[in-house]
N, C-alpha and C. Protein backbone atom coordinates (compact mmCIF):
# COMPACT_ATOMS: atom_id res chain seq x y z
N UNK A 1 87.73 116.74 75.74
CA UNK A 1 88.93 117.24 74.91
C UNK A 1 88.98 118.68 74.86
N UNK A 2 90.24 119.52 74.92
CA UNK A 2 90.15 120.56 75.14
C UNK A 2 91.27 121.30 73.98
N UNK A 3 90.70 122.37 73.33
CA UNK A 3 91.00 122.83 72.35
C UNK A 3 92.43 123.23 72.55
N UNK A 4 93.34 123.37 71.56
CA UNK A 4 94.70 123.80 71.37
C UNK A 4 94.49 125.22 71.44
N UNK A 5 93.19 126.15 71.67
CA UNK A 5 93.40 127.42 71.71
C UNK A 5 93.30 127.51 73.39
N UNK A 6 92.29 126.49 73.86
CA UNK A 6 92.09 127.04 75.21
C UNK A 6 92.83 126.51 76.38
N UNK A 7 93.78 126.03 75.60
CA UNK A 7 95.21 125.11 76.21
C UNK A 7 95.79 126.42 76.33
N UNK A 8 96.25 127.06 75.29
CA UNK A 8 96.93 127.87 75.04
C UNK A 8 96.81 129.19 76.09
N UNK A 9 95.41 129.62 76.31
CA UNK A 9 94.59 130.66 76.44
C UNK A 9 94.98 130.55 78.16
N UNK A 10 94.62 129.08 78.70
CA UNK A 10 94.84 129.19 80.11
C UNK A 10 96.35 129.30 80.54
N UNK A 11 97.05 128.53 79.49
CA UNK A 11 98.90 128.63 79.52
C UNK A 11 99.02 129.62 79.96
N UNK A 12 97.98 130.90 79.73
CA UNK A 12 98.81 132.66 79.29
C UNK A 12 98.50 133.42 80.73
N UNK A 13 97.30 132.38 81.49
CA UNK A 13 96.75 132.96 82.68
C UNK A 13 97.68 133.25 84.00
N UNK A 14 97.72 133.75 84.64
CA UNK A 14 98.65 133.36 85.97
C UNK A 14 97.97 132.61 86.63
N UNK A 15 98.98 131.94 87.32
CA UNK A 15 98.02 129.89 87.93
C UNK A 15 97.34 130.42 88.61
N UNK A 16 97.14 131.63 89.80
CA UNK A 16 96.18 131.39 90.52
C UNK A 16 94.88 131.75 90.19
N UNK A 17 94.39 132.45 88.91
CA UNK A 17 93.08 132.76 87.95
C UNK A 17 92.98 131.24 87.43
N UNK A 18 94.30 131.02 86.67
CA UNK A 18 94.03 129.65 86.01
C UNK A 18 93.39 128.41 86.88
N UNK A 19 94.08 128.15 88.33
CA UNK A 19 93.61 127.46 89.03
C UNK A 19 92.34 127.21 89.53
N UNK A 20 91.69 128.27 89.31
CA UNK A 20 90.15 129.09 90.02
C UNK A 20 89.20 128.09 88.78
N UNK A 21 89.56 128.67 87.81
CA UNK A 21 88.56 128.62 86.58
C UNK A 21 89.01 127.24 85.82
N UNK A 22 90.12 126.18 85.81
CA UNK A 22 90.31 124.90 85.99
C UNK A 22 89.51 124.36 87.21
N UNK A 23 89.74 125.17 88.14
CA UNK A 23 88.50 124.35 89.33
C UNK A 23 87.08 124.02 89.23
N UNK A 24 86.65 125.11 88.26
CA UNK A 24 85.24 125.56 88.69
C UNK A 24 84.66 124.14 87.41
N UNK A 25 85.48 124.47 86.23
CA UNK A 25 85.66 123.40 85.42
C UNK A 25 85.55 121.92 85.79
N UNK A 26 86.19 121.72 86.31
CA UNK A 26 86.23 119.93 87.10
C UNK A 26 84.82 119.92 87.83
N UNK A 27 84.82 120.74 88.47
CA UNK A 27 83.23 120.62 89.25
C UNK A 27 82.41 120.60 88.43
N UNK A 28 82.24 121.41 86.80
CA UNK A 28 81.11 121.12 86.32
C UNK A 28 81.02 119.76 85.91
N UNK A 29 82.14 119.43 85.31
CA UNK A 29 82.61 118.29 84.46
C UNK A 29 81.69 116.99 85.59
N UNK A 30 82.27 116.75 86.95
CA UNK A 30 81.68 115.75 87.25
C UNK A 30 80.13 115.93 87.86
N UNK A 31 79.55 117.55 88.13
CA UNK A 31 78.41 117.19 88.11
C UNK A 31 77.47 117.08 87.16
N UNK A 32 77.82 117.47 85.85
CA UNK A 32 77.09 116.83 84.52
C UNK A 32 77.20 115.33 84.11
N UNK A 33 78.68 115.18 84.53
CA UNK A 33 78.70 113.44 83.89
C UNK A 33 78.76 112.73 84.56
N UNK A 34 78.75 112.91 85.69
CA UNK A 34 79.44 111.46 87.13
C UNK A 34 77.95 110.93 87.96
N UNK A 35 77.24 109.92 87.82
CA UNK A 35 76.40 109.78 89.02
C UNK A 35 77.23 109.25 89.88
N UNK A 36 77.40 110.07 90.92
CA UNK A 36 78.62 109.64 92.14
C UNK A 36 77.81 108.83 93.35
N UNK A 37 78.02 107.82 93.48
CA UNK A 37 78.15 106.90 94.74
C UNK A 37 78.85 106.68 95.76
N UNK A 38 78.74 107.49 97.22
CA UNK A 38 79.45 107.42 98.10
C UNK A 38 79.52 106.46 98.99
N UNK A 39 79.98 105.34 99.54
CA UNK A 39 79.82 104.38 100.85
C UNK A 39 80.69 104.76 101.79
N UNK A 40 80.62 104.52 102.96
CA UNK A 40 81.51 104.16 103.80
C UNK A 40 82.10 105.52 104.50
N UNK A 41 81.69 106.58 104.04
CA UNK A 41 82.85 108.28 104.05
C UNK A 41 82.61 108.19 105.64
N UNK A 42 81.72 107.98 106.46
CA UNK A 42 81.60 108.25 107.78
C UNK A 42 82.45 106.95 108.30
N UNK A 43 82.80 106.26 108.06
CA UNK A 43 84.04 105.51 108.48
C UNK A 43 85.57 106.35 108.82
N UNK A 44 85.50 107.32 108.73
CA UNK A 44 86.77 108.14 108.90
C UNK A 44 86.78 109.36 109.65
N UNK A 45 85.44 108.94 110.33
CA UNK A 45 84.99 110.16 111.33
C UNK A 45 85.79 110.08 113.03
N UNK A 46 86.33 108.79 112.70
CA UNK A 46 86.82 108.34 114.32
C UNK A 46 88.29 108.54 114.09
N UNK A 47 88.97 108.44 113.15
CA UNK A 47 89.94 108.11 112.60
C UNK A 47 91.32 109.27 112.96
N UNK A 48 92.37 108.88 114.17
CA UNK A 48 92.78 110.02 114.83
C UNK A 48 94.53 110.31 113.77
N UNK A 49 94.62 111.17 113.26
CA UNK A 49 96.50 111.00 112.63
C UNK A 49 96.14 111.13 111.35
N UNK A 50 97.53 110.86 110.66
CA UNK A 50 97.52 110.98 109.51
C UNK A 50 96.96 109.58 108.67
N UNK A 51 96.68 109.98 107.50
CA UNK A 51 95.66 108.53 106.66
C UNK A 51 96.45 108.68 105.49
N UNK A 52 96.65 107.70 105.40
CA UNK A 52 97.65 106.87 103.80
C UNK A 52 95.65 106.41 103.13
N UNK A 53 95.39 107.06 102.29
CA UNK A 53 94.51 105.92 101.05
C UNK A 53 94.94 105.18 100.43
N UNK A 54 95.04 104.00 99.96
CA UNK A 54 95.14 103.33 98.78
C UNK A 54 94.20 102.99 98.66
N UNK A 55 94.27 102.94 96.54
CA UNK A 55 93.18 102.72 96.03
C UNK A 55 93.26 102.27 94.64
N UNK A 56 92.84 101.61 93.84
CA UNK A 56 93.14 101.17 92.74
C UNK A 56 92.94 102.09 91.73
N UNK A 57 93.26 102.30 90.42
CA UNK A 57 93.27 103.13 89.58
C UNK A 57 92.76 102.95 87.98
N UNK A 58 92.01 103.42 87.87
CA UNK A 58 91.36 103.09 86.41
C UNK A 58 91.62 104.25 85.16
N UNK A 59 91.44 105.62 85.60
CA UNK A 59 91.29 106.70 85.28
C UNK A 59 91.76 108.00 85.47
N UNK A 60 92.21 108.84 84.44
CA UNK A 60 92.80 109.93 84.93
C UNK A 60 91.32 111.08 85.95
N UNK A 61 90.54 110.87 85.34
CA UNK A 61 89.25 111.20 86.67
C UNK A 61 89.41 110.51 87.99
N UNK A 62 89.87 109.38 88.11
CA UNK A 62 90.03 109.24 89.25
C UNK A 62 90.53 110.14 90.79
N UNK A 63 91.58 110.85 90.39
CA UNK A 63 92.28 111.98 91.52
C UNK A 63 91.29 112.72 91.42
N UNK A 64 90.56 113.27 90.45
CA UNK A 64 89.25 114.65 90.35
C UNK A 64 88.33 114.23 91.31
N UNK A 65 87.66 112.84 91.06
CA UNK A 65 86.89 112.51 91.82
C UNK A 65 87.20 112.36 93.24
N UNK A 66 88.09 111.48 93.77
CA UNK A 66 88.63 111.32 95.08
C UNK A 66 88.89 112.56 95.72
N UNK A 67 88.80 113.61 95.23
CA UNK A 67 89.72 114.70 95.61
C UNK A 67 88.44 115.75 95.96
N UNK A 68 87.26 115.44 95.11
CA UNK A 68 85.60 115.44 95.59
C UNK A 68 85.36 115.07 96.88
N UNK A 69 85.85 113.84 96.71
CA UNK A 69 84.53 112.73 97.86
C UNK A 69 85.49 112.94 99.23
N UNK A 70 86.63 113.07 99.30
CA UNK A 70 87.50 113.17 100.74
C UNK A 70 88.15 114.84 101.04
N UNK A 71 87.03 115.73 100.20
CA UNK A 71 87.59 117.40 100.49
C UNK A 71 88.01 117.28 101.84
N UNK A 72 87.14 117.25 102.85
CA UNK A 72 87.20 117.50 103.96
C UNK A 72 88.93 116.63 104.72
N UNK A 73 89.50 115.26 104.28
CA UNK A 73 90.70 115.13 104.09
C UNK A 73 91.80 116.04 103.77
N UNK A 74 90.99 116.87 102.82
CA UNK A 74 92.49 117.58 101.76
C UNK A 74 93.95 116.52 101.75
N UNK A 75 93.51 115.45 100.70
CA UNK A 75 94.78 114.58 100.70
C UNK A 75 95.53 114.97 99.53
N UNK A 76 97.09 115.08 99.89
CA UNK A 76 98.01 115.22 98.76
C UNK A 76 97.57 113.85 97.86
N UNK A 77 98.07 113.51 96.06
CA UNK A 77 97.99 112.61 95.62
C UNK A 77 99.49 112.31 94.63
N UNK A 78 100.05 111.27 95.17
CA UNK A 78 101.00 111.05 94.59
C UNK A 78 100.70 110.57 93.21
N UNK A 79 101.59 111.00 92.87
CA UNK A 79 101.02 111.28 90.55
C UNK A 79 102.34 111.37 89.73
N UNK A 80 102.18 110.29 88.65
CA UNK A 80 103.54 110.04 88.18
C UNK A 80 103.85 111.24 87.21
N UNK A 81 105.16 111.62 87.06
CA UNK A 81 105.33 112.65 86.76
C UNK A 81 105.24 112.73 85.30
N UNK A 82 104.92 112.13 84.27
CA UNK A 82 104.21 112.41 82.88
C UNK A 82 103.17 112.83 82.34
N UNK A 83 101.94 113.32 83.96
CA UNK A 83 101.34 113.92 83.92
C UNK A 83 101.36 115.30 83.89
N UNK A 84 102.79 115.74 84.19
CA UNK A 84 102.99 117.32 83.90
C UNK A 84 102.72 117.63 82.78
N UNK A 85 103.63 116.43 81.97
CA UNK A 85 104.05 116.68 80.57
C UNK A 85 103.28 117.08 79.76
N UNK A 86 101.66 116.46 80.14
CA UNK A 86 100.94 116.97 78.91
C UNK A 86 99.86 118.40 79.82
N UNK A 87 99.76 119.39 78.89
CA UNK A 87 98.91 120.65 79.16
C UNK A 87 97.82 120.84 80.07
N UNK A 88 97.32 119.49 79.87
CA UNK A 88 95.94 119.07 80.29
C UNK A 88 95.62 118.76 81.49
N UNK A 89 96.48 118.01 81.35
CA UNK A 89 96.42 116.64 83.05
C UNK A 89 97.41 117.61 83.70
N UNK A 90 98.24 118.31 82.98
CA UNK A 90 98.63 119.53 84.59
C UNK A 90 97.93 120.56 84.76
N UNK A 91 97.13 121.00 84.34
CA UNK A 91 95.90 121.60 84.37
C UNK A 91 95.41 121.25 85.60
N UNK A 92 94.73 119.77 85.42
CA UNK A 92 94.19 119.34 86.86
C UNK A 92 95.19 119.09 88.06
N UNK A 93 96.44 118.69 87.52
CA UNK A 93 97.61 118.35 88.64
C UNK A 93 97.62 119.79 89.29
N UNK A 94 97.01 120.88 89.31
CA UNK A 94 97.57 122.44 89.89
C UNK A 94 95.99 122.76 90.43
N UNK A 95 94.79 121.70 90.46
CA UNK A 95 94.04 121.50 91.30
C UNK A 95 94.39 120.93 92.89
N UNK A 96 94.49 119.82 92.11
CA UNK A 96 94.52 118.67 93.19
C UNK A 96 96.27 118.72 93.67
N UNK A 97 96.36 118.63 95.27
CA UNK A 97 97.72 118.66 95.41
C UNK A 97 98.58 117.08 95.38
N UNK A 98 99.38 117.52 94.50
CA UNK A 98 100.33 116.48 93.90
C UNK A 98 101.74 116.34 94.72
N UNK A 99 102.18 115.13 94.64
CA UNK A 99 103.46 115.18 95.10
C UNK A 99 104.01 114.17 93.87
N UNK A 100 104.85 114.62 92.90
CA UNK A 100 105.12 113.99 91.62
C UNK A 100 106.06 112.68 92.03
N UNK A 101 106.21 111.54 91.10
CA UNK A 101 107.04 110.82 91.90
C UNK A 101 107.26 109.90 90.12
N UNK A 102 108.82 109.86 89.86
CA UNK A 102 109.20 109.10 88.70
C UNK A 102 108.89 107.54 88.86
N UNK A 103 108.20 107.01 88.65
CA UNK A 103 107.23 105.58 88.62
C UNK A 103 108.77 104.26 88.11
N UNK A 104 108.44 103.36 88.77
CA UNK A 104 109.35 102.73 88.71
C UNK A 104 110.86 102.63 88.77
N UNK A 105 111.19 103.78 89.69
CA UNK A 105 112.61 104.32 90.23
C UNK A 105 112.94 104.11 91.87
N UNK A 106 114.00 104.57 92.16
CA UNK A 106 113.66 105.09 93.61
C UNK A 106 113.80 106.24 93.60
N UNK A 107 112.91 107.19 93.22
CA UNK A 107 112.81 108.07 93.66
C UNK A 107 113.05 109.04 94.87
N UNK A 108 114.23 109.07 95.58
CA UNK A 108 114.31 109.45 97.12
C UNK A 108 114.02 110.29 97.65
N UNK A 109 114.06 111.79 96.55
CA UNK A 109 113.19 113.17 96.47
C UNK A 109 111.98 112.91 96.75
N UNK A 110 110.94 112.16 95.95
CA UNK A 110 109.53 112.12 96.18
C UNK A 110 109.22 111.25 97.71
N UNK A 111 109.96 110.53 97.62
CA UNK A 111 109.66 109.52 98.88
C UNK A 111 110.53 110.44 100.13
N UNK A 112 111.08 110.94 100.10
CA UNK A 112 111.23 111.97 101.42
C UNK A 112 110.17 112.72 101.07
N UNK A 113 109.57 113.23 100.14
CA UNK A 113 108.54 114.42 100.42
C UNK A 113 107.18 113.95 100.73
N UNK A 114 107.32 112.42 100.16
CA UNK A 114 105.77 111.58 100.82
C UNK A 114 105.90 111.43 102.13
N UNK A 115 107.07 111.06 102.59
CA UNK A 115 107.59 110.82 104.44
C UNK A 115 106.99 112.34 105.26
N UNK A 116 107.85 113.22 104.56
CA UNK A 116 107.33 114.62 105.04
C UNK A 116 106.15 114.94 105.29
N UNK A 117 105.88 114.84 104.25
CA UNK A 117 104.30 115.53 104.17
C UNK A 117 103.06 114.85 105.22
N UNK A 118 103.46 113.44 105.15
CA UNK A 118 102.35 112.90 106.36
C UNK A 118 103.13 112.88 107.66
N UNK A 119 104.23 113.14 108.31
CA UNK A 119 104.52 113.53 109.48
C UNK A 119 104.32 114.78 109.94
N UNK A 120 104.26 116.11 108.97
CA UNK A 120 103.53 117.13 109.33
C UNK A 120 102.50 117.32 109.43
N UNK A 121 101.73 116.06 109.61
CA UNK A 121 100.37 115.84 109.67
C UNK A 121 98.88 115.68 108.33
N UNK A 122 99.73 115.99 107.04
CA UNK A 122 98.49 115.72 106.20
C UNK A 122 98.29 114.17 106.24
N UNK A 123 97.08 114.24 105.09
CA UNK A 123 96.70 113.12 104.68
C UNK A 123 97.30 112.61 103.51
N UNK A 124 97.59 111.53 102.66
CA UNK A 124 97.66 111.36 101.20
C UNK A 124 97.05 110.26 100.42
N UNK A 125 96.93 110.10 99.35
CA UNK A 125 96.18 109.35 98.85
C UNK A 125 97.32 108.60 97.41
N UNK A 126 97.26 106.90 97.69
CA UNK A 126 98.56 106.38 96.56
C UNK A 126 97.70 105.44 95.89
N UNK A 127 98.00 105.36 94.68
CA UNK A 127 97.39 103.93 93.83
C UNK A 127 98.59 103.24 93.82
N UNK A 128 99.04 101.72 94.71
CA UNK A 128 99.95 101.25 94.41
C UNK A 128 100.08 100.50 93.23
N UNK A 129 98.93 100.25 92.53
CA UNK A 129 99.38 99.46 90.70
C UNK A 129 100.70 100.56 89.98
N UNK A 130 100.17 101.84 90.66
CA UNK A 130 101.58 102.76 89.77
C UNK A 130 100.66 103.33 88.32
N UNK A 131 99.58 102.96 87.95
CA UNK A 131 99.13 103.42 86.68
C UNK A 131 97.92 102.88 86.49
N UNK A 132 97.44 103.36 85.37
CA UNK A 132 95.55 103.18 85.47
C UNK A 132 95.34 101.64 84.63
N UNK A 133 94.42 101.04 85.03
CA UNK A 133 94.31 99.69 84.29
C UNK A 133 93.82 100.05 83.32
N UNK A 134 94.38 99.41 82.14
CA UNK A 134 94.23 99.08 80.97
C UNK A 134 92.83 97.91 80.24
N UNK A 135 92.69 97.44 81.63
CA UNK A 135 91.76 96.47 81.36
C UNK A 135 89.84 96.41 82.02
N UNK A 136 90.02 97.93 83.13
CA UNK A 136 89.20 97.66 84.40
C UNK A 136 89.63 96.78 85.31
N UNK A 137 90.28 96.13 85.13
CA UNK A 137 90.64 94.79 86.31
C UNK A 137 92.12 95.19 87.56
N UNK A 138 92.04 95.09 88.40
CA UNK A 138 93.36 95.21 89.27
C UNK A 138 94.52 94.70 88.62
N UNK A 139 95.88 95.78 88.64
CA UNK A 139 96.57 94.67 88.55
C UNK A 139 97.50 94.60 89.84
N UNK A 140 99.31 93.87 89.95
CA UNK A 140 99.85 93.84 91.26
C UNK A 140 99.97 95.18 91.53
N UNK A 141 99.74 95.55 93.43
CA UNK A 141 100.36 96.57 93.52
C UNK A 141 101.83 96.19 93.88
N UNK A 142 102.53 97.60 93.77
CA UNK A 142 103.87 97.41 94.28
C UNK A 142 104.19 97.68 95.37
N UNK A 143 105.31 97.05 96.03
CA UNK A 143 105.53 97.56 97.14
C UNK A 143 106.02 98.91 97.72
N UNK A 144 106.56 99.70 96.60
CA UNK A 144 107.13 101.06 96.97
C UNK A 144 106.05 101.77 97.88
N UNK A 145 104.81 101.54 97.97
CA UNK A 145 103.65 102.27 98.88
C UNK A 145 103.97 101.79 100.70
N UNK A 146 104.20 100.73 100.82
CA UNK A 146 105.16 99.84 102.41
C UNK A 146 105.86 100.60 102.73
N UNK A 147 106.74 101.62 102.02
CA UNK A 147 107.82 102.15 103.05
C UNK A 147 106.85 103.62 103.56
N UNK A 148 106.07 104.01 102.96
CA UNK A 148 105.56 105.38 103.53
C UNK A 148 104.94 104.99 104.80
N UNK A 149 104.36 103.98 104.91
CA UNK A 149 103.24 103.11 105.83
C UNK A 149 104.15 103.16 107.02
N UNK A 150 104.95 102.45 106.86
CA UNK A 150 105.74 102.01 107.87
C UNK A 150 106.72 102.95 108.47
N UNK A 151 107.47 103.90 107.68
CA UNK A 151 108.89 105.37 108.28
C UNK A 151 107.37 106.07 108.74
N UNK A 152 105.99 106.09 108.77
CA UNK A 152 105.11 107.28 109.26
C UNK A 152 104.04 106.67 110.19
N UNK A 153 103.90 105.42 110.00
CA UNK A 153 102.78 104.68 111.30
C UNK A 153 101.53 105.52 110.56
N UNK A 154 101.48 105.87 109.87
CA UNK A 154 99.80 106.73 109.48
C UNK A 154 99.33 105.10 109.49
N UNK A 155 97.75 106.17 109.76
CA UNK A 155 96.61 105.02 109.20
C UNK A 155 96.74 104.63 107.72
N UNK A 156 96.19 103.62 107.38
CA UNK A 156 95.88 103.12 106.06
C UNK A 156 94.38 102.54 106.15
N UNK A 157 93.81 103.23 104.92
CA UNK A 157 92.49 103.08 104.70
C UNK A 157 92.18 102.70 103.17
N UNK A 158 91.81 101.50 102.86
CA UNK A 158 91.73 101.11 101.68
C UNK A 158 90.31 101.76 101.04
N UNK A 159 90.75 102.10 99.49
CA UNK A 159 89.21 103.03 99.00
C UNK A 159 88.91 101.79 97.61
N UNK A 160 88.00 101.80 97.12
CA UNK A 160 87.77 101.25 95.98
C UNK A 160 86.71 102.11 95.12
N UNK A 161 87.14 102.20 94.19
CA UNK A 161 87.08 103.29 92.62
C UNK A 161 86.10 102.39 91.54
N UNK A 162 85.17 102.16 90.74
CA UNK A 162 84.48 101.32 89.76
C UNK A 162 83.91 102.66 88.87
N UNK A 163 84.24 102.19 87.87
CA UNK A 163 83.19 103.07 86.49
C UNK A 163 83.65 104.16 86.19
N UNK A 164 84.92 105.22 86.64
CA UNK A 164 85.28 105.98 86.18
C UNK A 164 86.06 105.63 84.83
N UNK A 165 86.81 104.43 84.90
CA UNK A 165 87.14 103.94 83.18
C UNK A 165 86.28 104.36 82.02
N UNK A 166 84.88 104.13 82.63
CA UNK A 166 83.61 104.86 81.37
C UNK A 166 83.56 106.20 81.09
N UNK A 167 83.68 106.95 82.37
CA UNK A 167 83.60 108.89 82.57
C UNK A 167 84.63 108.89 81.72
N UNK A 168 85.73 109.01 82.21
CA UNK A 168 86.96 109.55 81.50
C UNK A 168 88.05 107.79 80.78
N UNK A 169 87.62 107.85 79.61
CA UNK A 169 88.34 106.49 79.24
C UNK A 169 89.58 106.76 78.88
N UNK A 170 90.52 105.65 78.88
CA UNK A 170 91.98 106.60 78.40
C UNK A 170 92.17 106.18 76.81
N UNK A 171 92.72 106.98 76.37
CA UNK A 171 92.46 107.17 75.24
C UNK A 171 93.45 106.31 74.40
N UNK A 172 93.06 105.74 72.75
CA UNK A 172 93.82 104.75 72.00
C UNK A 172 94.49 105.48 71.54
N UNK A 173 95.31 106.64 71.49
CA UNK A 173 96.18 107.13 70.96
C UNK A 173 97.01 106.96 71.87
N UNK A 174 97.15 107.33 73.19
CA UNK A 174 98.32 107.51 74.52
C UNK A 174 98.01 108.96 74.80
N UNK A 175 97.25 109.99 73.84
CA UNK A 175 97.31 111.17 74.44
C UNK A 175 96.14 111.45 75.33
N UNK A 176 96.78 111.71 76.69
CA UNK A 176 95.76 112.04 77.38
C UNK A 176 95.34 113.15 77.16
N UNK A 177 95.24 114.24 76.57
CA UNK A 177 94.94 115.20 76.64
C UNK A 177 93.50 115.32 75.44
N UNK A 178 93.54 114.06 74.81
CA UNK A 178 92.39 113.65 73.68
C UNK A 178 91.45 112.92 74.66
N UNK A 179 91.38 112.54 75.88
CA UNK A 179 90.41 111.83 76.74
C UNK A 179 89.22 112.96 76.87
N UNK A 180 88.32 112.04 76.46
CA UNK A 180 86.89 112.85 76.89
C UNK A 180 85.74 112.14 77.87
N UNK A 181 85.08 113.17 78.38
CA UNK A 181 84.50 113.07 79.74
C UNK A 181 82.68 112.23 78.51
N UNK A 182 82.33 111.32 79.34
CA UNK A 182 80.97 110.35 79.42
C UNK A 182 80.23 110.17 80.41
N UNK A 183 79.44 110.20 80.20
CA UNK A 183 78.17 110.43 81.04
C UNK A 183 78.09 108.67 81.83
N UNK A 184 77.92 108.78 83.03
CA UNK A 184 78.36 107.19 83.59
C UNK A 184 78.20 107.21 84.95
N UNK A 185 78.40 106.36 85.65
CA UNK A 185 78.11 105.98 87.40
C UNK A 185 79.49 105.61 87.88
N UNK A 186 79.40 106.01 88.82
CA UNK A 186 81.17 105.86 89.47
C UNK A 186 80.87 105.67 90.73
N UNK A 187 81.16 104.43 91.50
CA UNK A 187 80.97 104.10 93.00
C UNK A 187 82.51 104.11 93.65
N UNK A 188 82.27 104.73 95.05
CA UNK A 188 83.68 104.92 95.45
C UNK A 188 83.21 103.91 96.88
N UNK A 189 84.20 103.42 97.65
CA UNK A 189 83.79 102.86 98.50
C UNK A 189 85.10 102.67 99.22
N UNK A 190 84.40 103.47 100.47
CA UNK A 190 85.88 103.69 101.78
C UNK A 190 85.34 102.48 102.69
N UNK A 191 87.12 102.01 103.03
CA UNK A 191 87.18 100.49 104.00
C UNK A 191 87.64 101.30 105.18
N UNK A 192 87.26 100.21 106.03
CA UNK A 192 87.79 100.27 107.59
C UNK A 192 89.33 100.59 107.09
N UNK A 193 90.27 101.48 108.36
CA UNK A 193 91.27 101.37 108.30
C UNK A 193 92.46 99.96 108.62
N UNK A 194 93.26 99.77 108.32
CA UNK A 194 93.90 98.49 108.33
C UNK A 194 94.93 98.33 108.87
N UNK A 195 95.14 97.64 109.55
CA UNK A 195 96.21 97.20 110.95
C UNK A 195 97.55 95.85 109.91
N UNK A 196 97.70 96.73 109.57
CA UNK A 196 99.32 96.11 108.83
C UNK A 196 99.64 94.85 109.75
N UNK A 197 100.30 93.63 109.08
CA UNK A 197 100.48 92.31 109.77
C UNK A 197 102.05 92.59 110.43
N UNK A 198 102.08 92.15 111.55
CA UNK A 198 103.70 92.25 111.86
C UNK A 198 104.63 90.99 111.45
N UNK A 199 105.79 91.27 111.65
CA UNK A 199 106.73 89.93 110.57
C UNK A 199 106.70 89.20 111.44
N UNK A 200 106.84 87.65 111.01
CA UNK A 200 106.66 86.64 111.84
C UNK A 200 108.30 86.48 111.38
N UNK A 201 109.17 85.67 112.59
CA UNK A 201 110.26 85.32 112.60
C UNK A 201 111.13 84.53 111.50
N UNK A 202 110.09 83.84 111.25
CA UNK A 202 110.59 82.93 110.04
C UNK A 202 110.51 83.62 108.91
N UNK A 203 109.90 84.66 108.78
CA UNK A 203 109.93 85.36 107.02
C UNK A 203 110.80 86.18 106.78
N UNK A 204 110.78 85.93 105.70
CA UNK A 204 112.49 87.18 104.79
C UNK A 204 111.61 88.19 104.77
N UNK A 205 112.35 89.44 104.58
CA UNK A 205 111.42 90.47 104.16
C UNK A 205 111.18 90.65 102.83
N UNK A 206 111.69 89.86 101.88
CA UNK A 206 110.78 89.73 100.76
C UNK A 206 109.30 89.23 100.87
N UNK A 207 109.15 87.94 101.76
CA UNK A 207 108.11 87.38 101.86
C UNK A 207 107.09 87.89 103.05
N UNK A 208 107.78 88.65 103.68
CA UNK A 208 106.82 89.95 104.40
C UNK A 208 106.61 90.86 103.47
N UNK A 209 106.83 91.70 102.83
CA UNK A 209 106.42 92.47 101.78
C UNK A 209 105.42 91.71 101.20
N UNK A 210 105.64 90.46 100.54
CA UNK A 210 104.98 90.02 99.43
C UNK A 210 103.38 89.73 100.40
N UNK A 211 103.37 89.52 101.33
CA UNK A 211 102.37 89.08 102.37
C UNK A 211 101.35 90.43 102.73
N UNK A 212 102.31 91.73 102.80
CA UNK A 212 101.81 92.70 103.01
C UNK A 212 100.71 93.09 102.12
N UNK A 213 101.77 93.28 100.53
CA UNK A 213 100.94 94.09 99.91
C UNK A 213 99.72 93.26 99.01
N UNK A 214 99.93 91.70 99.11
CA UNK A 214 98.52 90.91 99.18
C UNK A 214 97.49 91.56 100.05
N UNK A 215 97.81 91.20 101.23
CA UNK A 215 96.77 92.33 102.03
C UNK A 215 95.94 93.34 101.54
N UNK A 216 97.12 93.89 101.64
CA UNK A 216 97.14 95.59 101.31
C UNK A 216 95.57 95.70 99.96
N UNK A 217 95.78 94.92 98.87
CA UNK A 217 95.38 95.04 97.75
C UNK A 217 94.00 94.47 97.54
N UNK A 218 94.33 92.93 98.48
CA UNK A 218 92.73 92.15 98.86
C UNK A 218 91.77 93.37 99.87
N UNK A 219 92.19 94.37 100.29
CA UNK A 219 90.94 95.03 101.05
C UNK A 219 90.45 95.90 100.58
N UNK A 220 91.05 96.56 98.86
CA UNK A 220 91.15 96.97 98.18
C UNK A 220 89.57 96.02 97.21
N UNK A 221 90.25 95.37 96.97
CA UNK A 221 89.45 94.36 95.40
C UNK A 221 88.38 93.90 96.46
N UNK A 222 87.91 93.70 97.68
CA UNK A 222 86.98 92.87 98.30
C UNK A 222 85.99 94.20 97.96
N UNK A 223 86.01 95.46 98.19
CA UNK A 223 85.17 96.61 97.67
C UNK A 223 84.59 96.47 96.49
N UNK A 224 84.78 96.17 95.57
CA UNK A 224 85.01 95.90 94.05
C UNK A 224 84.37 94.48 93.59
N UNK A 225 83.67 94.91 92.31
CA UNK A 225 82.32 93.78 91.79
C UNK A 225 84.01 93.23 91.67
N UNK A 226 82.98 92.22 91.16
CA UNK A 226 84.32 90.59 90.73
C UNK A 226 84.99 90.99 89.70
N UNK A 227 84.79 91.82 88.74
CA UNK A 227 85.24 91.80 87.27
C UNK A 227 86.09 92.40 87.74
N UNK A 228 86.46 93.89 88.74
CA UNK A 228 87.46 94.82 88.78
C UNK A 228 88.63 93.71 89.67
N UNK A 229 88.57 92.62 89.97
CA UNK A 229 89.37 91.99 91.19
C UNK A 229 90.36 91.53 89.62
N UNK A 230 90.62 91.51 89.20
CA UNK A 230 91.69 91.01 88.76
C UNK A 230 92.92 89.65 89.49
N UNK A 231 93.96 90.63 89.75
CA UNK A 231 94.78 89.39 89.64
C UNK A 231 94.48 89.10 91.61
N UNK A 232 93.52 90.03 92.00
CA UNK A 232 93.29 89.89 93.12
C UNK A 232 92.05 88.68 93.48
N UNK A 233 91.47 88.44 92.55
CA UNK A 233 89.96 87.46 92.57
C UNK A 233 89.98 86.29 93.68
């Protein structure tokens, strides 16, 4: 939690200086509170071309931790526009490269930005569930993630994260600025690149989309402890 005085002080600073201070603070928080285990990073070494990472979502610390894990890949993160409304989470978004999207809407501007960002050779991370899990177990993935995958033909790499829900728990009052860091272990597993299935003649588009998102989400789930797999057990 950041005091209102610190929030006000940071908001008055030039963005470049504020970003530097916040970036150093995030690095300090991760070093102090997170016992970080990373598995599978070497799988990215031989991938050529842009990557769309897909990951389950547990905490507002996810993007901060994954930004550190994937620093060599410098990914953009797709984030809900509401994160810009809270000054504390907005500071974090200034450190992590983000594309803001209105969840559960056909946000054409954000989708076009995502596609052009990937086509320009950048990497991206998307949380297909669209929101943090309140139970620490996976929710259904939203099919919107399939559009940039198909239109860019980027490599798709699944990532699982667990333990972050204990490091920066979701606040009970709904105020993201009140969330406090706790000491805990976070495990990040990086999977092999996925070959998305081809549509078969008998399938409707709806059936094909269902099959694709189910496969994609199960690639994430299989890297998680069973208690985290939720609807993808």
